[in-house]
Amino acid sequence: MAEPATASVERRAMAFDRLEIAYDDRVLEPRPWTAQQSHWAAELIADAPAGPVLELCSGVGHIGLLAIARRPRPLVCVDVSPVACAYARRNAEAAGLSRLVDVREGRLDEALTVDERFAVVIADPPWVPSAETGRFPQDPLLAIDGGPDGLDVARECLRVAARHLLPDGDLVLQVGTRGQAEILAGECDMLRLDEVRYCERGVLARFHCDTASSASGQ
């Protein structure tokens, strides 16, 4: 496997719950608190319909990998960054999970086939409003800039989840505030906002796909 880091970039590693995750400064440094998203997803996987897990805006893969390390299922990771995808593959191999993981580089709306369906979707999109990204100079702009209201990519994650979730499946979405989660809920009829959990630097929102709403979108 090709090394994701180059001679001029220092590869780093950090403990992320039970996993060791590699990354470098070209990608968003994994936040330890986001393990809460992995844990919640794992809880949902335990009772989810049969089917794989999808991680959107997967970065170096840490959130999805930890979820399936706790509750093994096939995992599809999607990210637009080739560097992040290279690290996701490396981290899956290091965790002994590569046989379960399919990493796809590309746009969220182009990486999946029309007929693919998932039991649980995990999404960690950029959610910082463009005007506020200067507060985080250490972070790659691509990984944090969510557009004017911080929700441009989150909206796309919601649309993709609505198209590809199985009936009775769930989306666990990370955004910055409860207000952002409620805005998204008001814009999507196919997924129901069931719960919001507050975390260290953001919130996690669970959106549920009812059988009726899923059927109406087919």
Protein backbone atom coordinates (compact mmCIF):
# COMPACT_ATOMS: atom_id res chain seq x y z
CA MET A 1 0.00 0.00 0.00
CA ALA A 2 1.29 3.46 -0.90
CA GLU A 3 2.18 5.61 2.07
CA PRO A 4 -0.26 8.53 2.48
CA ALA A 5 2.44 10.83 3.83
CA THR A 6 5.23 12.34 1.74
CA ALA A 7 8.78 13.17 2.70
CA SER A 8 7.76 16.74 3.52
CA VAL A 9 4.74 15.76 5.65
CA GLU A 10 5.06 14.25 9.10
CA ARG A 11 2.70 11.37 9.73
CA ARG A 12 1.19 11.29 13.21
CA ALA A 13 -0.77 8.76 15.21
CA MET A 14 -3.22 9.05 18.07
CA ALA A 15 -5.26 6.75 20.26
CA PHE A 16 -8.93 6.92 19.33
CA ASP A 17 -10.67 4.78 21.91
CA ARG A 18 -9.43 1.24 21.17
CA LEU A 19 -7.91 2.13 17.78
CA GLU A 20 -4.65 3.80 16.75
CA ILE A 21 -5.36 6.28 13.98
CA ALA A 22 -2.77 7.71 11.58
CA TYR A 23 -3.11 11.14 9.95
CA ASP A 24 -1.11 14.24 9.02
CA ASP A 25 -1.61 18.00 8.74
CA ARG A 26 -3.26 17.74 5.31
CA VAL A 27 -6.38 16.26 6.90
CA LEU A 28 -8.52 17.15 9.91
CA GLU A 29 -6.98 15.86 13.12
CA PRO A 30 -9.36 13.33 14.71
CA ARG A 31 -11.15 14.72 17.77
CA PRO A 32 -11.25 12.21 20.65
CA TRP A 33 -14.76 13.36 21.64
CA THR A 34 -16.16 12.16 18.31
CA ALA A 35 -15.82 8.60 19.63
CA GLN A 36 -19.27 9.36 21.07
CA GLN A 37 -20.59 9.30 17.51
CA SER A 38 -18.98 5.87 16.99
CA HIS A 39 -20.50 4.55 20.21
CA TRP A 40 -23.98 5.78 19.34
CA ALA A 41 -23.73 4.35 15.84
CA ALA A 42 -22.64 1.00 17.31
CA GLU A 43 -25.68 1.01 19.60
CA LEU A 44 -27.93 1.58 16.60
CA ILE A 45 -26.16 -1.06 14.50
CA ALA A 46 -26.99 -3.64 17.15
CA ASP A 47 -30.73 -3.26 16.44
CA ALA A 48 -30.59 -2.07 12.83
CA PRO A 49 -31.96 -3.98 9.84
CA ALA A 50 -29.54 -6.25 8.03
CA GLY A 51 -27.22 -4.24 5.81
CA PRO A 52 -23.92 -2.37 5.67
CA VAL A 53 -22.89 0.90 7.29
CA LEU A 54 -22.12 4.07 5.33
CA GLU A 55 -19.80 6.84 6.52
CA LEU A 56 -20.03 10.16 4.67
CA CYS A 57 -17.24 12.76 4.93
CA SER A 58 -15.26 9.95 6.51
CA GLY A 59 -11.90 11.72 6.74
CA VAL A 60 -9.29 9.23 7.93
CA GLY A 61 -12.05 6.77 8.82
CA HIS A 62 -11.80 6.80 12.60
CA ILE A 63 -15.49 7.25 13.46
CA GLY A 64 -16.79 4.53 11.18
CA LEU A 65 -13.95 2.14 11.97
CA LEU A 66 -14.55 2.39 15.69
CA ALA A 67 -18.28 1.78 15.18
CA ILE A 68 -17.75 -1.46 13.26
CA ALA A 69 -14.92 -2.51 15.58
CA ARG A 70 -17.58 -2.58 18.29
CA ARG A 71 -20.34 -4.01 16.05
CA PRO A 72 -18.85 -5.67 12.94
CA ARG A 73 -20.61 -4.94 9.66
CA PRO A 74 -19.39 -4.01 6.16
CA LEU A 75 -18.53 -0.31 5.99
CA VAL A 76 -18.40 2.02 2.99
CA CYS A 77 -16.38 5.22 3.61
CA VAL A 78 -16.78 8.19 1.25
CA ASP A 79 -14.61 11.30 1.18
CA VAL A 80 -13.55 13.77 -1.51
CA SER A 81 -9.95 14.01 -0.25
CA PRO A 82 -7.48 11.49 -1.72
CA VAL A 83 -5.18 11.94 1.27
CA ALA A 84 -7.99 11.22 3.73
CA CYS A 85 -9.02 8.15 1.73
CA ALA A 86 -5.45 6.82 1.73
CA TYR A 87 -5.33 7.18 5.50
CA ALA A 88 -8.77 5.55 5.90
CA ARG A 89 -7.50 2.49 4.01
CA ARG A 90 -4.32 2.41 6.07
CA ASN A 91 -6.23 2.77 9.33
CA ALA A 92 -8.66 0.02 8.36
CA GLU A 93 -5.75 -2.30 7.66
CA ALA A 94 -4.02 -1.40 10.93
CA ALA A 95 -7.23 -2.15 12.83
CA GLY A 96 -7.62 -5.53 11.16
CA LEU A 97 -10.84 -4.38 9.48
CA SER A 98 -9.80 -3.97 5.85
CA ARG A 99 -11.83 -7.02 4.76
CA LEU A 100 -14.98 -5.17 5.88
CA VAL A 101 -14.12 -1.70 4.55
CA ASP A 102 -14.60 -0.17 1.10
CA VAL A 103 -13.13 3.35 0.85
CA ARG A 104 -14.40 5.45 -2.07
CA GLU A 105 -12.88 8.76 -3.13
CA GLY A 106 -15.36 11.17 -4.66
CA ARG A 107 -18.35 13.43 -4.23
CA LEU A 108 -21.07 12.24 -1.89
CA ASP A 109 -23.70 12.27 -4.64
CA GLU A 110 -21.53 10.28 -7.07
CA ALA A 111 -19.84 7.60 -4.94
CA LEU A 112 -22.87 5.32 -4.49
CA THR A 113 -24.93 3.36 -6.99
CA VAL A 114 -28.65 4.00 -7.18
CA ASP A 115 -29.59 0.66 -5.66
CA GLU A 116 -27.23 0.65 -2.65
CA ARG A 117 -28.95 0.65 0.74
CA PHE A 118 -27.52 0.96 4.24
CA ALA A 119 -28.74 0.12 7.72
CA VAL A 120 -26.90 3.00 9.44
CA VAL A 121 -25.31 6.15 8.03
CA ILE A 122 -22.65 8.11 9.91
CA ALA A 123 -21.79 11.64 8.75
CA ASP A 124 -19.27 14.18 10.02
CA PRO A 125 -19.51 17.00 7.47
CA PRO A 126 -17.85 20.41 7.78
CA TRP A 127 -20.32 22.55 9.74
CA VAL A 128 -18.46 25.80 10.49
CA PRO A 129 -20.01 28.84 8.71
CA SER A 130 -17.58 30.24 6.15
CA ALA A 131 -17.27 33.57 7.96
CA GLU A 132 -16.08 31.78 11.12
CA THR A 133 -13.47 29.42 9.67
CA GLY A 134 -10.68 31.88 10.56
CA ARG A 135 -11.15 30.84 14.19
CA PHE A 136 -9.57 27.49 13.31
CA PRO A 137 -6.39 28.28 11.33
CA GLN A 138 -4.86 24.90 12.16
CA ASP A 139 -7.61 22.99 10.33
CA PRO A 140 -7.72 22.37 6.56
CA LEU A 141 -10.40 24.65 5.09
CA LEU A 142 -11.96 21.84 3.05
CA ALA A 143 -12.60 19.89 6.25
CA ILE A 144 -14.41 22.63 8.19
CA ASP A 145 -16.01 25.12 5.75
CA GLY A 146 -19.73 24.38 5.62
CA GLY A 147 -20.78 27.38 3.53
CA PRO A 148 -22.72 30.49 4.57
CA ASP A 149 -24.76 28.82 7.33
CA GLY A 150 -22.42 25.88 7.87
CA LEU A 151 -24.90 23.41 6.40
CA ASP A 152 -24.07 23.08 2.70
CA VAL A 153 -22.42 19.65 3.02
CA ALA A 154 -24.69 18.54 5.88
CA ARG A 155 -27.68 19.06 3.56
CA GLU A 156 -26.05 16.84 0.98
CA CYS A 157 -25.40 14.19 3.65
CA LEU A 158 -29.09 14.31 4.58
CA ARG A 159 -30.14 13.94 0.94
CA VAL A 160 -27.80 10.99 0.40
CA ALA A 161 -28.99 9.33 3.61
CA ALA A 162 -32.63 9.80 2.64
CA ARG A 163 -31.99 8.08 -0.70
CA HIS A 164 -29.89 5.21 0.63
CA LEU A 165 -31.14 4.30 4.12
CA LEU A 166 -33.09 1.10 4.58
CA PRO A 167 -36.52 1.37 6.21
CA ASP A 168 -36.02 1.67 9.97
CA GLY A 169 -32.40 2.72 9.43
CA ASP A 170 -30.74 5.67 11.13
CA LEU A 171 -28.43 8.55 10.33
CA VAL A 172 -26.09 9.82 13.06
CA LEU A 173 -25.05 13.29 11.94
CA GLN A 174 -22.57 15.63 13.57
CA VAL A 175 -23.24 19.38 13.36
CA GLY A 176 -22.29 22.41 15.42
CA THR A 177 -25.53 23.30 17.20
CA ARG A 178 -29.01 22.02 17.95
CA GLY A 179 -30.31 24.90 15.85
CA GLN A 180 -28.46 23.55 12.81
CA ALA A 181 -29.96 20.09 13.41
CA GLU A 182 -33.45 21.56 13.64
CA ILE A 183 -32.97 23.54 10.42
CA LEU A 184 -32.03 20.32 8.64
CA ALA A 185 -35.02 18.50 10.14
CA GLY A 186 -37.32 21.16 8.74
CA GLU A 187 -35.88 20.70 5.27
CA CYS A 188 -36.20 16.90 4.99
CA ASP A 189 -39.57 15.13 5.02
CA MET A 190 -38.13 11.63 4.58
CA LEU A 191 -36.08 11.51 7.78
CA ARG A 192 -37.36 12.26 11.28
CA LEU A 193 -35.18 13.99 13.87
CA ASP A 194 -35.46 11.67 16.88
CA GLU A 195 -32.79 12.84 19.31
CA VAL A 196 -29.98 15.36 19.78
CA ARG A 197 -27.03 14.75 22.09
CA TYR A 198 -24.67 17.50 23.23
CA CYS A 199 -20.93 16.89 22.99
CA GLU A 200 -17.72 18.76 23.73
CA ARG A 201 -17.61 20.84 20.54
CA GLY A 202 -20.78 20.05 18.67
CA VAL A 203 -23.96 18.02 18.70
CA LEU A 204 -24.97 14.60 17.38
CA ALA A 205 -28.37 14.26 15.76
CA ARG A 206 -30.17 10.98 15.09
CA PHE A 207 -32.45 10.99 12.06
CA HIS A 208 -34.69 7.93 11.61
CA CYS A 209 -35.99 6.54 8.34
CA ASP A 210 -39.56 5.35 8.79
CA THR A 211 -40.82 2.54 6.59
CA ALA A 212 -43.52 4.81 5.15
CA SER A 213 -41.17 7.70 4.36
CA SER A 214 -38.60 5.37 2.83
CA ALA A 215 -41.20 3.79 0.57
CA SER A 216 -42.40 7.21 -0.58
CA GLY A 217 -38.91 8.09 -1.74
CA GLN A 218 -38.35 4.98 -3.85
